[in-house]
Amino acid sequence: MQRLLALRVIEEEREETELRRQRRLRQTCLDALNASETRQALALRALHTALDSGDRAEAISAEMALVCGPMERHMLQRHLAQLDAMVDVATAAWQGSRVRRLQIETIVETAETNLCRERQVREQKRLDGWFLSSRPQRLAGPPDENSQRETQYPAKQDGTVRADSVHE
């Protein structure tokens, strides 16, 4: 059982590593998309500045950046959608491996608890056996306090019940 648990732990760690990798790829793509949007805003500002100053070459460069920006973002958004799906698959795989590990852990803990309980029962039986085997020897010894009381106060034969004091 311990080997199976160790395998499940390794499986879960591997799935978690894959999930982290997929999330990192997704974050990289998301950062690229945000950078593209920032470049779009900068290109728009550069276009307006170039048009105001009459710099034709700078205006054409800014206009090209504005034209390429939507294509780049469209490609990044498609890639991001694919990465989202891959993250979802990796998340499901990690959760599945986590559930399997937790199930094995529960089985191992239950087995250990049962083993401990069996050991306690065996020990208790051993102690009970020892006690019972030593008991006849004690009965053969001197009478105890209770048996002395019974002999000191014999019960009346007429059927009346006598109440004994606790302090006698």
N, C-alpha and C. Protein backbone atom coordinates (compact mmCIF):
# COMPACT_ATOMS: atom_id res chain seq x y z
N MET A 1 0.82 -1.19 0.00
CA MET A 1 0.00 0.00 0.00
C MET A 1 0.87 1.26 0.00
N GLN A 2 1.97 1.19 0.75
CA GLN A 2 2.85 2.36 0.82
C GLN A 2 3.47 2.67 -0.54
N ARG A 3 3.80 1.63 -1.31
CA ARG A 3 4.35 1.83 -2.66
C ARG A 3 3.31 2.49 -3.56
N LEU A 4 2.09 2.01 -3.46
CA LEU A 4 1.02 2.59 -4.27
C LEU A 4 0.80 4.05 -3.89
N LEU A 5 0.85 4.33 -2.61
CA LEU A 5 0.72 5.72 -2.15
C LEU A 5 1.87 6.56 -2.69
N ALA A 6 3.08 6.03 -2.65
CA ALA A 6 4.23 6.77 -3.18
C ALA A 6 4.07 7.04 -4.67
N LEU A 7 3.56 6.06 -5.40
CA LEU A 7 3.31 6.26 -6.84
C LEU A 7 2.26 7.34 -7.07
N ARG A 8 1.22 7.32 -6.26
CA ARG A 8 0.16 8.34 -6.40
C ARG A 8 0.69 9.73 -6.07
N VAL A 9 1.57 9.83 -5.10
CA VAL A 9 2.18 11.13 -4.76
C VAL A 9 3.02 11.62 -5.93
N ILE A 10 3.81 10.73 -6.52
CA ILE A 10 4.63 11.11 -7.67
C ILE A 10 3.75 11.54 -8.84
N GLU A 11 2.67 10.77 -9.07
CA GLU A 11 1.74 11.12 -10.15
C GLU A 11 1.14 12.50 -9.92
N GLU A 12 0.72 12.77 -8.69
CA GLU A 12 0.13 14.07 -8.39
C GLU A 12 1.14 15.19 -8.59
N GLU A 13 2.38 14.98 -8.14
CA GLU A 13 3.42 16.00 -8.32
C GLU A 13 3.69 16.26 -9.79
N ARG A 14 3.71 15.20 -10.59
CA ARG A 14 3.94 15.36 -12.03
C ARG A 14 2.80 16.16 -12.67
N GLU A 15 1.56 15.83 -12.30
CA GLU A 15 0.40 16.55 -12.85
C GLU A 15 0.41 18.01 -12.39
N GLU A 16 0.81 18.24 -11.16
CA GLU A 16 0.87 19.61 -10.65
C GLU A 16 1.95 20.41 -11.39
N THR A 17 3.08 19.78 -11.68
CA THR A 17 4.15 20.43 -12.44
C THR A 17 3.66 20.78 -13.84
N GLU A 18 2.95 19.86 -14.46
CA GLU A 18 2.40 20.12 -15.79
C GLU A 18 1.40 21.27 -15.75
N LEU A 19 0.57 21.30 -14.72
CA LEU A 19 -0.40 22.38 -14.57
C LEU A 19 0.32 23.72 -14.42
N ARG A 20 1.36 23.77 -13.62
CA ARG A 20 2.13 25.01 -13.46
C ARG A 20 2.75 25.44 -14.78
N ARG A 21 3.27 24.48 -15.55
CA ARG A 21 3.88 24.79 -16.85
C ARG A 21 2.83 25.38 -17.80
N GLN A 22 1.65 24.75 -17.84
CA GLN A 22 0.58 25.25 -18.71
C GLN A 22 0.14 26.65 -18.27
N ARG A 23 0.05 26.87 -16.99
CA ARG A 23 -0.34 28.20 -16.49
C ARG A 23 0.72 29.25 -16.83
N ARG A 24 2.00 28.85 -16.75
CA ARG A 24 3.07 29.77 -17.12
C ARG A 24 2.98 30.14 -18.60
N LEU A 25 2.74 29.14 -19.46
CA LEU A 25 2.59 29.41 -20.89
C LEU A 25 1.41 30.35 -21.15
N ARG A 26 0.32 30.10 -20.45
CA ARG A 26 -0.86 30.95 -20.60
C ARG A 26 -0.55 32.37 -20.15
N GLN A 27 0.15 32.50 -19.03
CA GLN A 27 0.50 33.83 -18.53
C GLN A 27 1.43 34.56 -19.49
N THR A 28 2.35 33.83 -20.10
CA THR A 28 3.26 34.43 -21.08
C THR A 28 2.46 34.97 -22.27
N CYS A 29 1.51 34.18 -22.73
CA CYS A 29 0.67 34.61 -23.86
C CYS A 29 -0.18 35.82 -23.46
N LEU A 30 -0.71 35.79 -22.24
CA LEU A 30 -1.52 36.91 -21.75
C LEU A 30 -0.66 38.17 -21.64
N ASP A 31 0.58 38.02 -21.18
CA ASP A 31 1.49 39.17 -21.12
C ASP A 31 1.79 39.72 -22.51
N ALA A 32 1.96 38.82 -23.48
CA ALA A 32 2.21 39.25 -24.87
C ALA A 32 1.00 39.99 -25.42
N LEU A 33 -0.19 39.52 -25.09
CA LEU A 33 -1.41 40.19 -25.54
C LEU A 33 -1.50 41.59 -24.92
N ASN A 34 -1.20 41.70 -23.64
CA ASN A 34 -1.22 43.01 -22.98
C ASN A 34 -0.16 43.93 -23.58
N ALA A 35 1.01 43.38 -23.89
CA ALA A 35 2.08 44.18 -24.51
C ALA A 35 1.65 44.66 -25.90
N SER A 36 0.95 43.82 -26.64
CA SER A 36 0.47 44.21 -27.97
C SER A 36 -0.53 45.36 -27.86
N GLU A 37 -1.39 45.27 -26.86
CA GLU A 37 -2.36 46.37 -26.66
C GLU A 37 -1.65 47.66 -26.26
N THR A 38 -0.60 47.52 -25.48
CA THR A 38 0.18 48.70 -25.09
C THR A 38 0.88 49.29 -26.32
N ARG A 39 1.45 48.42 -27.16
CA ARG A 39 2.09 48.90 -28.39
C ARG A 39 1.08 49.58 -29.31
N GLN A 40 -0.14 49.06 -29.33
CA GLN A 40 -1.21 49.66 -30.14
C GLN A 40 -1.48 51.09 -29.67
N ALA A 41 -1.57 51.25 -28.34
CA ALA A 41 -1.82 52.59 -27.80
C ALA A 41 -0.64 53.52 -28.09
N LEU A 42 0.58 53.01 -27.95
CA LEU A 42 1.75 53.83 -28.25
C LEU A 42 1.82 54.19 -29.74
N ALA A 43 1.48 53.25 -30.61
CA ALA A 43 1.49 53.52 -32.05
C ALA A 43 0.45 54.57 -32.41
N LEU A 44 -0.69 54.50 -31.77
CA LEU A 44 -1.74 55.51 -32.03
C LEU A 44 -1.25 56.89 -31.60
N ARG A 45 -0.62 56.97 -30.44
CA ARG A 45 -0.08 58.24 -29.97
C ARG A 45 1.02 58.73 -30.91
N ALA A 46 1.88 57.80 -31.37
CA ALA A 46 2.97 58.17 -32.29
C ALA A 46 2.41 58.66 -33.62
N LEU A 47 1.32 58.04 -34.08
CA LEU A 47 0.69 58.47 -35.34
C LEU A 47 0.19 59.91 -35.22
N HIS A 48 -0.52 60.18 -34.10
CA HIS A 48 -1.04 61.54 -33.92
C HIS A 48 0.09 62.55 -33.78
N THR A 49 1.15 62.18 -33.10
CA THR A 49 2.29 63.08 -32.94
C THR A 49 2.96 63.32 -34.30
N ALA A 50 3.12 62.27 -35.09
CA ALA A 50 3.76 62.39 -36.41
C ALA A 50 2.90 63.22 -37.36
N LEU A 51 1.60 63.04 -37.30
CA LEU A 51 0.72 63.82 -38.16
C LEU A 51 0.74 65.29 -37.76
N ASP A 52 0.79 65.55 -36.46
CA ASP A 52 0.84 66.94 -35.99
C ASP A 52 2.15 67.62 -36.38
N SER A 53 3.24 66.85 -36.37
CA SER A 53 4.54 67.43 -36.68
C SER A 53 4.84 67.37 -38.18
N GLY A 54 4.05 66.60 -38.94
CA GLY A 54 4.27 66.51 -40.38
C GLY A 54 5.35 65.52 -40.76
N ASP A 55 5.76 64.65 -39.83
CA ASP A 55 6.79 63.63 -40.11
C ASP A 55 6.12 62.46 -40.80
N ARG A 56 6.27 62.44 -42.12
CA ARG A 56 5.59 61.44 -42.93
C ARG A 56 6.12 60.04 -42.67
N ALA A 57 7.42 59.85 -42.55
CA ALA A 57 8.01 58.53 -42.34
C ALA A 57 7.55 57.94 -40.99
N GLU A 58 7.53 58.78 -39.98
CA GLU A 58 7.08 58.32 -38.66
C GLU A 58 5.59 57.99 -38.69
N ALA A 59 4.81 58.73 -39.40
CA ALA A 59 3.37 58.49 -39.51
C ALA A 59 3.11 57.15 -40.22
N ILE A 60 3.88 56.88 -41.29
CA ILE A 60 3.72 55.60 -42.01
C ILE A 60 4.11 54.44 -41.11
N SER A 61 5.18 54.58 -40.34
CA SER A 61 5.63 53.53 -39.43
C SER A 61 4.58 53.26 -38.34
N ALA A 62 4.02 54.30 -37.80
CA ALA A 62 2.99 54.18 -36.76
C ALA A 62 1.73 53.56 -37.35
N GLU A 63 1.41 53.96 -38.60
CA GLU A 63 0.21 53.39 -39.24
C GLU A 63 0.39 51.90 -39.51
N MET A 64 1.58 51.46 -39.88
CA MET A 64 1.86 50.04 -40.10
C MET A 64 1.73 49.26 -38.79
N ALA A 65 2.21 49.86 -37.72
CA ALA A 65 2.09 49.22 -36.40
C ALA A 65 0.62 49.09 -36.02
N LEU A 66 -0.18 50.09 -36.34
CA LEU A 66 -1.62 50.04 -36.05
C LEU A 66 -2.33 48.97 -36.87
N VAL A 67 -1.88 48.76 -38.10
CA VAL A 67 -2.49 47.75 -38.97
C VAL A 67 -2.09 46.34 -38.52
N CYS A 68 -0.84 46.16 -38.12
CA CYS A 68 -0.36 44.83 -37.70
C CYS A 68 -0.86 44.43 -36.33
N GLY A 69 -1.16 45.40 -35.48
CA GLY A 69 -1.58 45.13 -34.11
C GLY A 69 -2.79 44.21 -34.00
N PRO A 70 -3.89 44.47 -34.72
CA PRO A 70 -5.06 43.60 -34.61
C PRO A 70 -4.79 42.16 -35.06
N MET A 71 -3.96 42.01 -36.11
CA MET A 71 -3.63 40.65 -36.55
C MET A 71 -2.85 39.91 -35.47
N GLU A 72 -1.89 40.62 -34.88
CA GLU A 72 -1.09 40.01 -33.81
C GLU A 72 -1.99 39.64 -32.62
N ARG A 73 -2.87 40.53 -32.22
CA ARG A 73 -3.76 40.26 -31.10
C ARG A 73 -4.73 39.12 -31.40
N HIS A 74 -5.20 39.05 -32.64
CA HIS A 74 -6.11 37.96 -33.02
C HIS A 74 -5.38 36.62 -32.90
N MET A 75 -4.13 36.57 -33.37
CA MET A 75 -3.35 35.35 -33.27
C MET A 75 -3.10 35.00 -31.79
N LEU A 76 -2.77 35.98 -30.99
CA LEU A 76 -2.52 35.74 -29.56
C LEU A 76 -3.80 35.30 -28.83
N GLN A 77 -4.93 35.87 -29.22
CA GLN A 77 -6.20 35.47 -28.59
C GLN A 77 -6.56 34.03 -28.93
N ARG A 78 -6.32 33.62 -30.18
CA ARG A 78 -6.56 32.21 -30.55
C ARG A 78 -5.64 31.29 -29.76
N HIS A 79 -4.37 31.68 -29.66
CA HIS A 79 -3.40 30.89 -28.90
C HIS A 79 -3.80 30.85 -27.41
N LEU A 80 -4.28 31.96 -26.89
CA LEU A 80 -4.72 32.03 -25.51
C LEU A 80 -5.92 31.10 -25.27
N ALA A 81 -6.83 31.04 -26.23
CA ALA A 81 -7.98 30.13 -26.10
C ALA A 81 -7.51 28.67 -26.05
N GLN A 82 -6.53 28.34 -26.90
CA GLN A 82 -5.97 26.98 -26.87
C GLN A 82 -5.30 26.70 -25.53
N LEU A 83 -4.56 27.67 -25.04
CA LEU A 83 -3.88 27.50 -23.75
C LEU A 83 -4.87 27.38 -22.60
N ASP A 84 -5.98 28.13 -22.68
CA ASP A 84 -7.03 28.01 -21.65
C ASP A 84 -7.57 26.58 -21.61
N ALA A 85 -7.80 26.01 -22.79
CA ALA A 85 -8.28 24.62 -22.86
C ALA A 85 -7.24 23.66 -22.28
N MET A 86 -5.97 23.91 -22.60
CA MET A 86 -4.92 23.04 -22.08
C MET A 86 -4.79 23.17 -20.56
N VAL A 87 -4.98 24.38 -20.03
CA VAL A 87 -4.94 24.59 -18.59
C VAL A 87 -6.11 23.85 -17.93
N ASP A 88 -7.27 23.90 -18.57
CA ASP A 88 -8.44 23.20 -18.03
C ASP A 88 -8.19 21.69 -17.98
N VAL A 89 -7.60 21.15 -19.04
CA VAL A 89 -7.30 19.71 -19.08
C VAL A 89 -6.27 19.37 -18.00
N ALA A 90 -5.24 20.19 -17.89
CA ALA A 90 -4.19 19.94 -16.88
C ALA A 90 -4.77 20.06 -15.47
N THR A 91 -5.68 21.00 -15.26
CA THR A 91 -6.32 21.15 -13.95
C THR A 91 -7.14 19.92 -13.61
N ALA A 92 -7.90 19.43 -14.57
CA ALA A 92 -8.71 18.23 -14.34
C ALA A 92 -7.82 17.02 -14.06
N ALA A 93 -6.72 16.90 -14.78
CA ALA A 93 -5.80 15.77 -14.56
C ALA A 93 -5.17 15.86 -13.17
N TRP A 94 -4.78 17.06 -12.76
CA TRP A 94 -4.19 17.23 -11.43
C TRP A 94 -5.21 16.92 -10.34
N GLN A 95 -6.44 17.42 -10.51
CA GLN A 95 -7.48 17.15 -9.52
C GLN A 95 -7.77 15.65 -9.43
N GLY A 96 -7.80 14.98 -10.57
CA GLY A 96 -8.02 13.53 -10.58
C GLY A 96 -6.91 12.79 -9.86
N SER A 97 -5.67 13.18 -10.11
CA SER A 97 -4.56 12.51 -9.43
C SER A 97 -4.57 12.82 -7.94
N ARG A 98 -5.00 14.01 -7.58
CA ARG A 98 -5.10 14.37 -6.16
C ARG A 98 -6.16 13.52 -5.46
N VAL A 99 -7.30 13.33 -6.12
CA VAL A 99 -8.36 12.50 -5.55
C VAL A 99 -7.87 11.06 -5.37
N ARG A 100 -7.18 10.54 -6.37
CA ARG A 100 -6.65 9.16 -6.26
C ARG A 100 -5.66 9.05 -5.11
N ARG A 101 -4.80 10.06 -4.95
CA ARG A 101 -3.85 10.02 -3.85
C ARG A 101 -4.57 10.08 -2.50
N LEU A 102 -5.55 10.95 -2.40
CA LEU A 102 -6.31 11.05 -1.14
C LEU A 102 -7.06 9.76 -0.83
N GLN A 103 -7.56 9.10 -1.86
CA GLN A 103 -8.24 7.82 -1.63
C GLN A 103 -7.28 6.78 -1.09
N ILE A 104 -6.09 6.70 -1.68
CA ILE A 104 -5.09 5.74 -1.22
C ILE A 104 -4.65 6.10 0.20
N GLU A 105 -4.48 7.39 0.47
CA GLU A 105 -4.11 7.81 1.83
C GLU A 105 -5.17 7.36 2.84
N THR A 106 -6.42 7.52 2.47
CA THR A 106 -7.51 7.11 3.36
C THR A 106 -7.46 5.61 3.59
N ILE A 107 -7.22 4.85 2.54
CA ILE A 107 -7.14 3.39 2.68
C ILE A 107 -5.97 3.01 3.59
N VAL A 108 -4.82 3.66 3.39
CA VAL A 108 -3.64 3.37 4.21
C VAL A 108 -3.90 3.73 5.67
N GLU A 109 -4.51 4.90 5.91
CA GLU A 109 -4.80 5.31 7.28
C GLU A 109 -5.80 4.36 7.94
N THR A 110 -6.80 3.91 7.18
CA THR A 110 -7.77 2.97 7.72
C THR A 110 -7.10 1.64 8.06
N ALA A 111 -6.22 1.19 7.17
CA ALA A 111 -5.51 -0.07 7.43
C ALA A 111 -4.62 0.06 8.67
N GLU A 112 -3.93 1.19 8.79
CA GLU A 112 -3.09 1.40 9.97
C GLU A 112 -3.92 1.47 11.24
N THR A 113 -5.07 2.13 11.17
CA THR A 113 -5.96 2.21 12.33
C THR A 113 -6.45 0.82 12.72
N ASN A 114 -6.85 0.03 11.72
CA ASN A 114 -7.30 -1.33 12.00
C ASN A 114 -6.19 -2.18 12.60
N LEU A 115 -4.98 -2.03 12.08
CA LEU A 115 -3.84 -2.77 12.62
C LEU A 115 -3.58 -2.37 14.07
N CYS A 116 -3.64 -1.09 14.34
CA CYS A 116 -3.42 -0.60 15.71
C CYS A 116 -4.51 -1.14 16.64
N ARG A 117 -5.75 -1.12 16.16
CA ARG A 117 -6.86 -1.63 16.95
C ARG A 117 -6.68 -3.12 17.23
N GLU A 118 -6.25 -3.88 16.22
CA GLU A 118 -6.01 -5.31 16.41
C GLU A 118 -4.90 -5.55 17.43
N ARG A 119 -3.83 -4.73 17.36
CA ARG A 119 -2.75 -4.85 18.34
C ARG A 119 -3.26 -4.56 19.74
N GLN A 120 -4.10 -3.55 19.87
CA GLN A 120 -4.65 -3.21 21.19
C GLN A 120 -5.53 -4.34 21.71
N VAL A 121 -6.33 -4.93 20.83
CA VAL A 121 -7.20 -6.04 21.24
C VAL A 121 -6.34 -7.23 21.66
N ARG A 122 -5.30 -7.54 20.90
CA ARG A 122 -4.40 -8.65 21.27
C ARG A 122 -3.74 -8.39 22.62
N GLU A 123 -3.29 -7.17 22.83
CA GLU A 123 -2.64 -6.82 24.09
C GLU A 123 -3.64 -6.92 25.24
N GLN A 124 -4.87 -6.44 24.99
CA GLN A 124 -5.88 -6.52 26.04
C GLN A 124 -6.22 -7.98 26.35
N LYS A 125 -6.31 -8.80 25.34
CA LYS A 125 -6.57 -10.23 25.56
C LYS A 125 -5.43 -10.87 26.33
N ARG A 126 -4.21 -10.48 26.00
CA ARG A 126 -3.05 -11.02 26.72
C ARG A 126 -3.12 -10.62 28.19
N LEU A 127 -3.44 -9.34 28.44
CA LEU A 127 -3.55 -8.88 29.83
C LEU A 127 -4.71 -9.57 30.55
N ASP A 128 -5.84 -9.74 29.85
CA ASP A 128 -6.99 -10.44 30.44
C ASP A 128 -6.62 -11.88 30.77
N GLY A 129 -5.90 -12.53 29.88
CA GLY A 129 -5.47 -13.91 30.11
C GLY A 129 -4.54 -13.99 31.30
N TRP A 130 -3.61 -13.04 31.39
CA TRP A 130 -2.71 -13.02 32.52
C TRP A 130 -3.48 -12.83 33.81
N PHE A 131 -4.42 -11.88 33.81
CA PHE A 131 -5.21 -11.60 35.00
C PHE A 131 -6.03 -12.83 35.41
N LEU A 132 -6.69 -13.44 34.43
CA LEU A 132 -7.52 -14.60 34.75
C LEU A 132 -6.68 -15.79 35.19
N SER A 133 -5.50 -15.94 34.64
CA SER A 133 -4.67 -17.07 35.04
C SER A 133 -4.09 -16.86 36.45
N SER A 134 -3.93 -15.63 36.86
CA SER A 134 -3.38 -15.37 38.20
C SER A 134 -4.49 -15.25 39.24
N ARG A 135 -5.71 -15.21 38.84
CA ARG A 135 -6.84 -15.02 39.76
C ARG A 135 -7.03 -16.21 40.71
N PRO A 136 -7.02 -17.46 40.28
CA PRO A 136 -7.20 -18.57 41.22
C PRO A 136 -6.17 -18.55 42.33
N GLN A 137 -5.00 -18.10 42.06
CA GLN A 137 -3.97 -18.02 43.10
C GLN A 137 -4.38 -16.99 44.14
N ARG A 138 -4.98 -15.92 43.75
CA ARG A 138 -5.42 -14.90 44.69
C ARG A 138 -6.57 -15.41 45.54
N LEU A 139 -7.47 -16.18 44.95
CA LEU A 139 -8.60 -16.70 45.72
C LEU A 139 -8.13 -17.69 46.78
N ALA A 140 -7.05 -18.36 46.53
CA ALA A 140 -6.53 -19.31 47.50
C ALA A 140 -5.85 -18.58 48.65
N GLY A 141 -5.52 -17.33 48.51
CA GLY A 141 -4.83 -16.56 49.53
C GLY A 141 -5.78 -16.13 50.64
N PRO A 142 -5.38 -15.18 51.49
CA PRO A 142 -6.21 -14.74 52.61
C PRO A 142 -7.50 -14.10 52.10
N PRO A 143 -8.58 -14.21 52.88
CA PRO A 143 -9.85 -13.64 52.47
C PRO A 143 -9.75 -12.13 52.42
N ASP A 144 -10.49 -11.57 51.49
CA ASP A 144 -10.45 -10.12 51.39
C ASP A 144 -11.47 -9.47 52.32
N GLU A 145 -11.52 -8.18 52.34
CA GLU A 145 -12.34 -7.40 53.25
C GLU A 145 -13.83 -7.70 53.09
N ASN A 146 -14.32 -7.85 51.87
CA ASN A 146 -15.74 -8.08 51.62
C ASN A 146 -16.20 -9.41 52.19
N SER A 147 -15.39 -10.42 52.06
CA SER A 147 -15.81 -11.72 52.57
C SER A 147 -15.83 -11.71 54.10
N GLN A 148 -14.99 -10.91 54.74
CA GLN A 148 -15.01 -10.81 56.20
C GLN A 148 -16.30 -10.15 56.67
N ARG A 149 -16.77 -9.13 55.96
CA ARG A 149 -18.02 -8.46 56.34
C ARG A 149 -19.18 -9.43 56.25
N GLU A 150 -19.19 -10.22 55.22
CA GLU A 150 -20.30 -11.15 55.05
C GLU A 150 -20.34 -12.16 56.18
N THR A 151 -19.22 -12.58 56.66
CA THR A 151 -19.22 -13.56 57.75
C THR A 151 -19.53 -12.91 59.07
N GLN A 152 -19.23 -11.62 59.24
CA GLN A 152 -19.52 -10.94 60.50
C GLN A 152 -21.01 -10.67 60.67
N TYR A 153 -21.71 -10.39 59.59
CA TYR A 153 -23.12 -10.04 59.66
C TYR A 153 -23.95 -11.04 58.89
N PRO A 154 -24.32 -12.11 59.49
CA PRO A 154 -25.15 -13.07 58.77
C PRO A 154 -26.56 -12.50 58.56
N ALA A 155 -27.16 -12.84 57.44
CA ALA A 155 -28.50 -12.35 57.13
C ALA A 155 -29.52 -12.99 58.06
N LYS A 156 -30.54 -12.23 58.42
CA LYS A 156 -31.61 -12.77 59.27
C LYS A 156 -32.46 -13.71 58.46
N GLN A 157 -32.97 -14.69 59.12
CA GLN A 157 -33.75 -15.71 58.44
C GLN A 157 -35.22 -15.34 58.32
N ASP A 158 -35.67 -14.28 58.99
CA ASP A 158 -37.09 -13.96 58.97
C ASP A 158 -37.50 -13.15 57.75
N GLY A 159 -36.57 -12.80 56.84
CA GLY A 159 -36.91 -12.11 55.59
C GLY A 159 -36.76 -10.61 55.67
N THR A 160 -36.40 -10.04 56.82
CA THR A 160 -36.21 -8.60 56.88
C THR A 160 -34.83 -8.26 56.36
N VAL A 161 -34.71 -7.11 55.76
CA VAL A 161 -33.46 -6.68 55.16
C VAL A 161 -32.80 -5.69 56.09
N ARG A 162 -31.55 -5.86 56.35
CA ARG A 162 -30.81 -4.98 57.25
C ARG A 162 -29.97 -4.02 56.40
N ALA A 163 -30.03 -2.72 56.68
CA ALA A 163 -29.23 -1.74 55.97
C ALA A 163 -27.90 -1.57 56.67
N ASP A 164 -26.83 -1.77 55.93
CA ASP A 164 -25.50 -1.62 56.52
C ASP A 164 -25.05 -0.18 56.39
N SER A 165 -24.34 0.29 57.38
CA SER A 165 -23.79 1.63 57.38
C SER A 165 -22.52 1.64 56.53
N VAL A 166 -22.27 2.71 55.91
CA VAL A 166 -21.07 2.85 55.11
C VAL A 166 -19.85 2.96 56.00
N HIS A 167 -20.01 3.45 57.23
CA HIS A 167 -18.88 3.69 58.13
C HIS A 167 -18.62 2.55 59.09
N GLU A 168 -19.16 1.42 58.89
CA GLU A 168 -18.96 0.32 59.83
C GLU A 168 -17.57 -0.22 59.78
